[in-house]
Amino acid sequence: MYKILNILRKSITSISDWFYQPFSKYIPLVTFRYGFTGGLNTVLDIFLYFIFYNFVFKKQILDLGFYAITPHIAAFLVVFPITFTTGFMLAKYVTFTQSKLQGKKQLFRYGLTVVGAILLNYILLKFFVEVCDIWATVSKIITTGLVVIYSYFMQRYFSFRMENKSKA
């Protein structure tokens, strides 16, 4: 399994670095890799959200017997653990490889930033869908854009902080 993950990491890094070439004079590699891997994870997130919302939950309330969950929140709750894992792995092994923080510390800090992202996702999805009456998938895209901005700053300066303080 480790061998497959290592091949996948090297492949993603190579593809990212290939696309980076025209931008190398304008932005640092770490910033580009963040955008590239974040973009991959975001596309995965929105794709899975669309599938779960439309085809698994079929736009219907999920009745657990003791609690009912709206389909847009249910889809978010199912998709989130998947993209949390892929996001951390991409950040640790592709984007912020120069961070000298221990993996446990990175994971803990990443988890803290994600708690903020969860709260933002929940609040913004509820607001856009239930208050603004915007379609759930469109609301998810808008929410994701706002949460990405928050996540970038938290990951760069907190979760995967570089010890040498070099410009990343």
N, C-alpha and C. Protein backbone atom coordinates (compact mmCIF):
# COMPACT_ATOMS: atom_id res chain seq x y z
N MET A 1 0.83 -1.19 0.00
CA MET A 1 0.00 0.00 0.00
C MET A 1 0.87 1.26 0.00
N TYR A 2 1.95 1.23 0.83
CA TYR A 2 2.85 2.38 0.90
C TYR A 2 3.46 2.67 -0.47
N LYS A 3 3.81 1.62 -1.19
CA LYS A 3 4.43 1.77 -2.51
C LYS A 3 3.46 2.47 -3.48
N ILE A 4 2.20 2.08 -3.44
CA ILE A 4 1.18 2.69 -4.30
C ILE A 4 1.00 4.16 -3.94
N LEU A 5 0.93 4.46 -2.64
CA LEU A 5 0.78 5.85 -2.20
C LEU A 5 1.98 6.70 -2.60
N ASN A 6 3.18 6.13 -2.51
CA ASN A 6 4.39 6.85 -2.90
C ASN A 6 4.39 7.13 -4.40
N ILE A 7 3.96 6.18 -5.20
CA ILE A 7 3.86 6.40 -6.65
C ILE A 7 2.83 7.48 -6.95
N LEU A 8 1.72 7.44 -6.26
CA LEU A 8 0.67 8.45 -6.43
C LEU A 8 1.20 9.84 -6.04
N ARG A 9 1.91 9.93 -4.91
CA ARG A 9 2.49 11.20 -4.46
C ARG A 9 3.47 11.75 -5.50
N LYS A 10 4.35 10.90 -5.99
CA LYS A 10 5.33 11.33 -6.99
C LYS A 10 4.64 11.76 -8.28
N SER A 11 3.60 11.05 -8.67
CA SER A 11 2.86 11.40 -9.90
C SER A 11 2.19 12.77 -9.76
N ILE A 12 1.52 12.99 -8.64
CA ILE A 12 0.84 14.26 -8.42
C ILE A 12 1.86 15.40 -8.37
N THR A 13 2.97 15.16 -7.68
CA THR A 13 4.02 16.18 -7.60
C THR A 13 4.58 16.49 -8.98
N SER A 14 4.85 15.48 -9.78
CA SER A 14 5.39 15.68 -11.13
C SER A 14 4.42 16.46 -12.01
N ILE A 15 3.16 16.10 -11.96
CA ILE A 15 2.15 16.80 -12.77
C ILE A 15 2.03 18.25 -12.31
N SER A 16 1.99 18.46 -11.01
CA SER A 16 1.91 19.82 -10.48
C SER A 16 3.11 20.64 -10.92
N ASP A 17 4.30 20.08 -10.78
CA ASP A 17 5.51 20.80 -11.15
C ASP A 17 5.59 21.08 -12.64
N TRP A 18 5.03 20.19 -13.45
CA TRP A 18 5.00 20.43 -14.89
C TRP A 18 4.11 21.65 -15.21
N PHE A 19 2.95 21.71 -14.58
CA PHE A 19 2.06 22.85 -14.78
C PHE A 19 2.63 24.14 -14.17
N TYR A 20 3.50 24.00 -13.21
CA TYR A 20 4.09 25.16 -12.53
C TYR A 20 5.05 25.95 -13.43
N GLN A 21 5.68 25.30 -14.37
CA GLN A 21 6.74 25.91 -15.18
C GLN A 21 6.39 27.31 -15.70
N PRO A 22 5.24 27.54 -16.34
CA PRO A 22 4.95 28.89 -16.84
C PRO A 22 4.73 29.93 -15.74
N PHE A 23 4.46 29.48 -14.52
CA PHE A 23 4.18 30.39 -13.41
C PHE A 23 5.38 30.60 -12.49
N SER A 24 6.48 29.90 -12.76
CA SER A 24 7.62 29.88 -11.84
C SER A 24 8.23 31.25 -11.57
N LYS A 25 8.08 32.18 -12.50
CA LYS A 25 8.63 33.52 -12.30
C LYS A 25 7.72 34.39 -11.44
N TYR A 26 6.48 33.95 -11.24
CA TYR A 26 5.48 34.80 -10.59
C TYR A 26 5.06 34.38 -9.19
N ILE A 27 5.07 33.08 -8.94
CA ILE A 27 4.65 32.61 -7.61
C ILE A 27 5.57 31.49 -7.14
N PRO A 28 5.74 31.38 -5.83
CA PRO A 28 6.58 30.30 -5.29
C PRO A 28 5.95 28.92 -5.53
N LEU A 29 6.81 27.93 -5.61
CA LEU A 29 6.37 26.56 -5.86
C LEU A 29 5.37 26.07 -4.81
N VAL A 30 5.63 26.38 -3.54
CA VAL A 30 4.73 25.92 -2.47
C VAL A 30 3.33 26.49 -2.66
N THR A 31 3.24 27.75 -3.03
CA THR A 31 1.94 28.38 -3.24
C THR A 31 1.23 27.74 -4.42
N PHE A 32 1.97 27.47 -5.49
CA PHE A 32 1.37 26.82 -6.65
C PHE A 32 0.89 25.42 -6.29
N ARG A 33 1.73 24.67 -5.60
CA ARG A 33 1.33 23.31 -5.21
C ARG A 33 0.09 23.34 -4.32
N TYR A 34 0.01 24.34 -3.43
CA TYR A 34 -1.18 24.46 -2.59
C TYR A 34 -2.42 24.64 -3.46
N GLY A 35 -2.31 25.54 -4.41
CA GLY A 35 -3.45 25.78 -5.31
C GLY A 35 -3.79 24.55 -6.14
N PHE A 36 -2.77 23.88 -6.62
CA PHE A 36 -2.98 22.69 -7.46
C PHE A 36 -3.62 21.56 -6.65
N THR A 37 -3.02 21.22 -5.52
CA THR A 37 -3.56 20.11 -4.73
C THR A 37 -4.89 20.50 -4.09
N GLY A 38 -4.99 21.75 -3.68
CA GLY A 38 -6.27 22.23 -3.15
C GLY A 38 -7.36 22.18 -4.20
N GLY A 39 -6.99 22.51 -5.43
CA GLY A 39 -7.94 22.44 -6.54
C GLY A 39 -8.40 21.01 -6.79
N LEU A 40 -7.44 20.08 -6.78
CA LEU A 40 -7.79 18.66 -6.95
C LEU A 40 -8.76 18.21 -5.85
N ASN A 41 -8.43 18.57 -4.62
CA ASN A 41 -9.26 18.15 -3.50
C ASN A 41 -10.63 18.83 -3.54
N THR A 42 -10.67 20.06 -4.00
CA THR A 42 -11.93 20.79 -4.10
C THR A 42 -12.83 20.17 -5.17
N VAL A 43 -12.23 19.82 -6.31
CA VAL A 43 -13.01 19.16 -7.37
C VAL A 43 -13.55 17.83 -6.86
N LEU A 44 -12.72 17.08 -6.15
CA LEU A 44 -13.18 15.82 -5.57
C LEU A 44 -14.33 16.07 -4.59
N ASP A 45 -14.19 17.09 -3.75
CA ASP A 45 -15.21 17.43 -2.77
C ASP A 45 -16.54 17.78 -3.44
N ILE A 46 -16.49 18.64 -4.42
CA ILE A 46 -17.73 19.06 -5.09
C ILE A 46 -18.35 17.90 -5.87
N PHE A 47 -17.52 17.10 -6.53
CA PHE A 47 -18.02 15.94 -7.27
C PHE A 47 -18.72 14.96 -6.33
N LEU A 48 -18.06 14.61 -5.22
CA LEU A 48 -18.66 13.68 -4.26
C LEU A 48 -19.93 14.27 -3.64
N TYR A 49 -19.89 15.56 -3.33
CA TYR A 49 -21.07 16.24 -2.77
C TYR A 49 -22.24 16.13 -3.73
N PHE A 50 -21.99 16.41 -5.00
CA PHE A 50 -23.03 16.33 -6.03
C PHE A 50 -23.62 14.92 -6.10
N ILE A 51 -22.75 13.91 -6.10
CA ILE A 51 -23.20 12.52 -6.17
C ILE A 51 -24.05 12.15 -4.95
N PHE A 52 -23.55 12.48 -3.77
CA PHE A 52 -24.29 12.12 -2.56
C PHE A 52 -25.59 12.90 -2.44
N TYR A 53 -25.55 14.19 -2.72
CA TYR A 53 -26.76 15.00 -2.61
C TYR A 53 -27.84 14.56 -3.60
N ASN A 54 -27.46 14.36 -4.85
CA ASN A 54 -28.43 14.06 -5.90
C ASN A 54 -28.81 12.59 -6.02
N PHE A 55 -27.85 11.69 -5.81
CA PHE A 55 -28.12 10.28 -6.10
C PHE A 55 -28.18 9.37 -4.87
N VAL A 56 -27.47 9.71 -3.83
CA VAL A 56 -27.52 8.88 -2.63
C VAL A 56 -28.68 9.34 -1.74
N PHE A 57 -28.72 10.63 -1.42
CA PHE A 57 -29.80 11.16 -0.59
C PHE A 57 -31.00 11.62 -1.41
N LYS A 58 -30.82 11.69 -2.72
CA LYS A 58 -31.88 12.03 -3.67
C LYS A 58 -32.64 13.30 -3.27
N LYS A 59 -31.90 14.27 -2.75
CA LYS A 59 -32.45 15.57 -2.35
C LYS A 59 -33.55 15.45 -1.28
N GLN A 60 -33.51 14.36 -0.54
CA GLN A 60 -34.52 14.09 0.48
C GLN A 60 -33.91 14.20 1.88
N ILE A 61 -34.73 14.56 2.83
CA ILE A 61 -34.28 14.64 4.22
C ILE A 61 -33.90 13.24 4.70
N LEU A 62 -32.79 13.16 5.40
CA LEU A 62 -32.33 11.91 5.98
C LEU A 62 -32.90 11.81 7.39
N ASP A 63 -33.87 10.92 7.56
CA ASP A 63 -34.52 10.77 8.87
C ASP A 63 -33.84 9.64 9.63
N LEU A 64 -33.16 10.00 10.70
CA LEU A 64 -32.46 9.01 11.52
C LEU A 64 -33.35 8.46 12.64
N GLY A 65 -34.60 8.89 12.67
CA GLY A 65 -35.52 8.46 13.71
C GLY A 65 -35.52 9.43 14.88
N PHE A 66 -34.34 9.73 15.39
CA PHE A 66 -34.23 10.67 16.51
C PHE A 66 -33.84 12.07 16.04
N TYR A 67 -33.45 12.19 14.77
CA TYR A 67 -33.05 13.48 14.22
C TYR A 67 -33.14 13.43 12.70
N ALA A 68 -33.58 14.52 12.12
CA ALA A 68 -33.66 14.61 10.66
C ALA A 68 -32.60 15.58 10.15
N ILE A 69 -31.90 15.17 9.11
CA ILE A 69 -30.83 15.99 8.54
C ILE A 69 -31.21 16.37 7.11
N THR A 70 -31.09 17.65 6.80
CA THR A 70 -31.38 18.09 5.44
C THR A 70 -30.37 17.45 4.49
N PRO A 71 -30.77 17.23 3.23
CA PRO A 71 -29.87 16.52 2.31
C PRO A 71 -28.56 17.26 2.02
N HIS A 72 -28.59 18.58 2.01
CA HIS A 72 -27.35 19.30 1.74
C HIS A 72 -26.35 19.17 2.90
N ILE A 73 -26.85 19.07 4.11
CA ILE A 73 -25.97 18.87 5.26
C ILE A 73 -25.55 17.40 5.35
N ALA A 74 -26.44 16.49 5.06
CA ALA A 74 -26.10 15.06 5.08
C ALA A 74 -24.98 14.76 4.07
N ALA A 75 -25.09 15.33 2.87
CA ALA A 75 -24.06 15.12 1.86
C ALA A 75 -22.72 15.68 2.35
N PHE A 76 -22.76 16.85 2.95
CA PHE A 76 -21.54 17.43 3.50
C PHE A 76 -20.92 16.52 4.57
N LEU A 77 -21.75 15.99 5.48
CA LEU A 77 -21.25 15.16 6.57
C LEU A 77 -20.62 13.86 6.08
N VAL A 78 -21.12 13.32 4.98
CA VAL A 78 -20.56 12.08 4.43
C VAL A 78 -19.28 12.36 3.66
N VAL A 79 -19.26 13.43 2.90
CA VAL A 79 -18.11 13.73 2.04
C VAL A 79 -16.93 14.28 2.83
N PHE A 80 -17.22 15.00 3.89
CA PHE A 80 -16.17 15.68 4.63
C PHE A 80 -15.02 14.78 5.10
N PRO A 81 -15.28 13.64 5.75
CA PRO A 81 -14.15 12.81 6.20
C PRO A 81 -13.25 12.33 5.06
N ILE A 82 -13.83 12.13 3.91
CA ILE A 82 -13.05 11.69 2.75
C ILE A 82 -12.10 12.80 2.32
N THR A 83 -12.63 14.01 2.15
CA THR A 83 -11.79 15.09 1.67
C THR A 83 -10.89 15.67 2.77
N PHE A 84 -11.24 15.44 4.02
CA PHE A 84 -10.31 15.79 5.11
C PHE A 84 -9.04 14.96 4.97
N THR A 85 -9.21 13.67 4.78
CA THR A 85 -8.08 12.76 4.67
C THR A 85 -7.24 13.06 3.43
N THR A 86 -7.89 13.19 2.29
CA THR A 86 -7.12 13.47 1.06
C THR A 86 -6.46 14.84 1.14
N GLY A 87 -7.13 15.81 1.74
CA GLY A 87 -6.55 17.15 1.88
C GLY A 87 -5.30 17.15 2.75
N PHE A 88 -5.36 16.45 3.88
CA PHE A 88 -4.19 16.38 4.75
C PHE A 88 -3.03 15.68 4.06
N MET A 89 -3.33 14.57 3.42
CA MET A 89 -2.27 13.81 2.75
C MET A 89 -1.61 14.64 1.63
N LEU A 90 -2.42 15.33 0.85
CA LEU A 90 -1.86 16.18 -0.21
C LEU A 90 -1.04 17.32 0.37
N ALA A 91 -1.53 17.94 1.44
CA ALA A 91 -0.80 19.06 2.05
C ALA A 91 0.53 18.58 2.64
N LYS A 92 0.50 17.48 3.33
CA LYS A 92 1.70 16.97 3.99
C LYS A 92 2.73 16.41 3.01
N TYR A 93 2.28 15.63 2.05
CA TYR A 93 3.22 14.89 1.21
C TYR A 93 3.48 15.49 -0.17
N VAL A 94 2.70 16.51 -0.56
CA VAL A 94 2.93 17.15 -1.86
C VAL A 94 3.24 18.64 -1.69
N THR A 95 2.44 19.34 -0.91
CA THR A 95 2.54 20.80 -0.84
C THR A 95 3.58 21.29 0.17
N PHE A 96 3.40 20.94 1.43
CA PHE A 96 4.23 21.50 2.50
C PHE A 96 5.29 20.50 2.96
N THR A 97 6.02 19.95 2.02
CA THR A 97 7.03 18.93 2.33
C THR A 97 8.22 19.50 3.10
N GLN A 98 8.41 20.81 3.09
CA GLN A 98 9.54 21.44 3.79
C GLN A 98 9.25 21.70 5.26
N SER A 99 8.03 21.51 5.69
CA SER A 99 7.69 21.75 7.09
C SER A 99 8.42 20.74 7.96
N LYS A 100 9.04 21.24 9.00
CA LYS A 100 9.79 20.38 9.93
C LYS A 100 8.95 19.97 11.14
N LEU A 101 7.71 20.41 11.20
CA LEU A 101 6.85 20.02 12.31
C LEU A 101 6.58 18.52 12.25
N GLN A 102 6.44 17.91 13.41
CA GLN A 102 6.13 16.48 13.47
C GLN A 102 4.76 16.23 12.85
N GLY A 103 4.61 15.05 12.26
CA GLY A 103 3.35 14.68 11.62
C GLY A 103 2.17 14.77 12.55
N LYS A 104 2.35 14.35 13.81
CA LYS A 104 1.26 14.42 14.80
C LYS A 104 0.84 15.86 15.04
N LYS A 105 1.83 16.74 15.14
CA LYS A 105 1.54 18.15 15.37
C LYS A 105 0.84 18.75 14.15
N GLN A 106 1.30 18.38 12.96
CA GLN A 106 0.66 18.85 11.73
C GLN A 106 -0.79 18.39 11.69
N LEU A 107 -1.01 17.13 11.98
CA LEU A 107 -2.37 16.58 11.94
C LEU A 107 -3.26 17.27 12.97
N PHE A 108 -2.75 17.49 14.17
CA PHE A 108 -3.52 18.17 15.21
C PHE A 108 -3.88 19.59 14.76
N ARG A 109 -2.89 20.32 14.27
CA ARG A 109 -3.14 21.69 13.83
C ARG A 109 -4.07 21.71 12.62
N TYR A 110 -3.86 20.77 11.72
CA TYR A 110 -4.74 20.66 10.55
C TYR A 110 -6.18 20.41 11.02
N GLY A 111 -6.31 19.53 12.00
CA GLY A 111 -7.63 19.24 12.56
C GLY A 111 -8.28 20.48 13.17
N LEU A 112 -7.49 21.29 13.87
CA LEU A 112 -8.04 22.53 14.44
C LEU A 112 -8.52 23.48 13.34
N THR A 113 -7.72 23.62 12.29
CA THR A 113 -8.15 24.51 11.21
C THR A 113 -9.39 23.96 10.52
N VAL A 114 -9.49 22.66 10.48
CA VAL A 114 -10.65 22.04 9.86
C VAL A 114 -11.91 22.24 10.68
N VAL A 115 -11.76 22.29 12.00
CA VAL A 115 -12.93 22.57 12.85
C VAL A 115 -13.52 23.92 12.43
N GLY A 116 -12.67 24.90 12.22
CA GLY A 116 -13.13 26.20 11.72
C GLY A 116 -13.78 26.08 10.35
N ALA A 117 -13.19 25.25 9.50
CA ALA A 117 -13.75 25.04 8.16
C ALA A 117 -15.12 24.35 8.24
N ILE A 118 -15.26 23.42 9.16
CA ILE A 118 -16.55 22.75 9.34
C ILE A 118 -17.62 23.76 9.75
N LEU A 119 -17.27 24.57 10.74
CA LEU A 119 -18.23 25.58 11.20
C LEU A 119 -18.59 26.54 10.07
N LEU A 120 -17.60 26.99 9.33
CA LEU A 120 -17.87 27.88 8.20
C LEU A 120 -18.74 27.19 7.15
N ASN A 121 -18.41 25.93 6.82
CA ASN A 121 -19.20 25.18 5.86
C ASN A 121 -20.65 25.07 6.31
N TYR A 122 -20.85 24.67 7.54
CA TYR A 122 -22.19 24.48 8.07
C TYR A 122 -22.99 25.77 8.03
N ILE A 123 -22.40 26.81 8.61
CA ILE A 123 -23.09 28.10 8.69
C ILE A 123 -23.39 28.65 7.30
N LEU A 124 -22.39 28.61 6.42
CA LEU A 124 -22.58 29.17 5.08
C LEU A 124 -23.57 28.35 4.24
N LEU A 125 -23.50 27.01 4.35
CA LEU A 125 -24.47 26.18 3.61
C LEU A 125 -25.90 26.46 4.09
N LYS A 126 -26.07 26.49 5.41
CA LYS A 126 -27.40 26.79 5.95
C LYS A 126 -27.87 28.16 5.46
N PHE A 127 -26.99 29.14 5.50
CA PHE A 127 -27.34 30.50 5.09
C PHE A 127 -27.71 30.57 3.60
N PHE A 128 -26.84 30.04 2.75
CA PHE A 128 -27.08 30.15 1.31
C PHE A 128 -28.30 29.34 0.86
N VAL A 129 -28.46 28.13 1.41
CA VAL A 129 -29.57 27.27 0.98
C VAL A 129 -30.89 27.70 1.63
N GLU A 130 -30.88 27.90 2.93
CA GLU A 130 -32.12 28.11 3.66
C GLU A 130 -32.55 29.57 3.77
N VAL A 131 -31.60 30.48 3.78
CA VAL A 131 -31.95 31.90 3.88
C VAL A 131 -31.99 32.56 2.50
N CYS A 132 -30.95 32.31 1.71
CA CYS A 132 -30.86 32.94 0.38
C CYS A 132 -31.59 32.14 -0.70
N ASP A 133 -31.98 30.89 -0.39
CA ASP A 133 -32.70 30.02 -1.32
C ASP A 133 -31.91 29.78 -2.61
N ILE A 134 -30.62 29.54 -2.45
CA ILE A 134 -29.74 29.22 -3.58
C ILE A 134 -29.64 27.70 -3.67
N TRP A 135 -29.58 27.15 -4.88
CA TRP A 135 -29.45 25.71 -5.07
C TRP A 135 -28.30 25.17 -4.23
N ALA A 136 -28.46 23.97 -3.73
CA ALA A 136 -27.48 23.38 -2.82
C ALA A 136 -26.09 23.26 -3.44
N THR A 137 -25.99 22.78 -4.67
CA THR A 137 -24.67 22.61 -5.29
C THR A 137 -24.01 23.96 -5.53
N VAL A 138 -24.77 24.94 -5.97
CA VAL A 138 -24.22 26.29 -6.16
C VAL A 138 -23.79 26.87 -4.81
N SER A 139 -24.60 26.65 -3.79
CA SER A 139 -24.25 27.10 -2.45
C SER A 139 -22.96 26.45 -1.97
N LYS A 140 -22.80 25.18 -2.28
CA LYS A 140 -21.58 24.47 -1.90
C LYS A 140 -20.37 25.07 -2.60
N ILE A 141 -20.50 25.43 -3.85
CA ILE A 141 -19.38 26.03 -4.59
C ILE A 141 -18.99 27.38 -3.98
N ILE A 142 -19.96 28.21 -3.68
CA ILE A 142 -19.70 29.52 -3.07
C ILE A 142 -19.05 29.33 -1.69
N THR A 143 -19.62 28.43 -0.92
CA THR A 143 -19.09 28.14 0.41
C THR A 143 -17.65 27.65 0.32
N THR A 144 -17.39 26.76 -0.61
CA THR A 144 -16.05 26.22 -0.78
C THR A 144 -15.05 27.33 -1.10
N GLY A 145 -15.41 28.25 -1.96
CA GLY A 145 -14.52 29.37 -2.28
C GLY A 145 -14.13 30.17 -1.06
N LEU A 146 -15.10 30.45 -0.20
CA LEU A 146 -14.82 31.22 1.01
C LEU A 146 -13.98 30.42 2.01
N VAL A 147 -14.28 29.15 2.13
CA VAL A 147 -13.55 28.32 3.07
C VAL A 147 -12.11 28.08 2.59
N VAL A 148 -11.89 28.03 1.29
CA VAL A 148 -10.54 27.85 0.75
C VAL A 148 -9.64 29.01 1.17
N ILE A 149 -10.15 30.22 1.13
CA ILE A 149 -9.36 31.39 1.53
C ILE A 149 -8.95 31.27 3.01
N TYR A 150 -9.90 30.93 3.85
CA TYR A 150 -9.61 30.71 5.27
C TYR A 150 -8.56 29.60 5.44
N SER A 151 -8.77 28.49 4.75
CA SER A 151 -7.89 27.33 4.90
C SER A 151 -6.46 27.61 4.45
N TYR A 152 -6.32 28.35 3.36
CA TYR A 152 -4.98 28.65 2.84
C TYR A 152 -4.15 29.35 3.91
N PHE A 153 -4.69 30.39 4.50
CA PHE A 153 -3.93 31.15 5.50
C PHE A 153 -3.66 30.32 6.75
N MET A 154 -4.61 29.54 7.17
CA MET A 154 -4.42 28.71 8.36
C MET A 154 -3.39 27.61 8.12
N GLN A 155 -3.44 26.98 6.96
CA GLN A 155 -2.48 25.91 6.69
C GLN A 155 -1.07 26.46 6.49
N ARG A 156 -0.97 27.53 5.75
CA ARG A 156 0.35 28.07 5.45
C ARG A 156 1.04 28.60 6.70
N TYR A 157 0.31 29.30 7.54
CA TYR A 157 0.93 29.97 8.68
C TYR A 157 0.73 29.26 10.02
N PHE A 158 -0.01 28.16 10.03
CA PHE A 158 -0.24 27.46 11.29
C PHE A 158 0.00 25.96 11.17
N SER A 159 -0.80 25.26 10.38
CA SER A 159 -0.74 23.80 10.33
C SER A 159 0.60 23.26 9.84
N PHE A 160 1.13 23.86 8.77
CA PHE A 160 2.36 23.37 8.15
C PHE A 160 3.43 24.46 8.14
N ARG A 161 3.44 25.26 9.19
CA ARG A 161 4.39 26.36 9.29
C ARG A 161 5.81 25.84 9.06
N MET A 162 6.56 26.60 8.29
CA MET A 162 7.95 26.25 8.02
C MET A 162 8.81 26.84 9.14
N GLU A 163 9.66 26.03 9.71
CA GLU A 163 10.49 26.46 10.84
C GLU A 163 11.51 27.52 10.45
N ASN A 164 11.98 27.49 9.20
CA ASN A 164 13.06 28.40 8.80
C ASN A 164 12.53 29.77 8.40
N LYS A 165 11.25 29.99 8.44
CA LYS A 165 10.61 31.27 8.13
C LYS A 165 10.94 31.80 6.74
N SER A 166 11.38 30.92 5.84
CA SER A 166 11.67 31.37 4.48
C SER A 166 10.38 31.70 3.75
N LYS A 167 10.51 32.55 2.75
CA LYS A 167 9.32 32.95 1.98
C LYS A 167 8.83 31.75 1.19
N ALA A 168 7.59 31.37 1.41
CA ALA A 168 7.03 30.20 0.72
C ALA A 168 6.10 30.61 -0.37
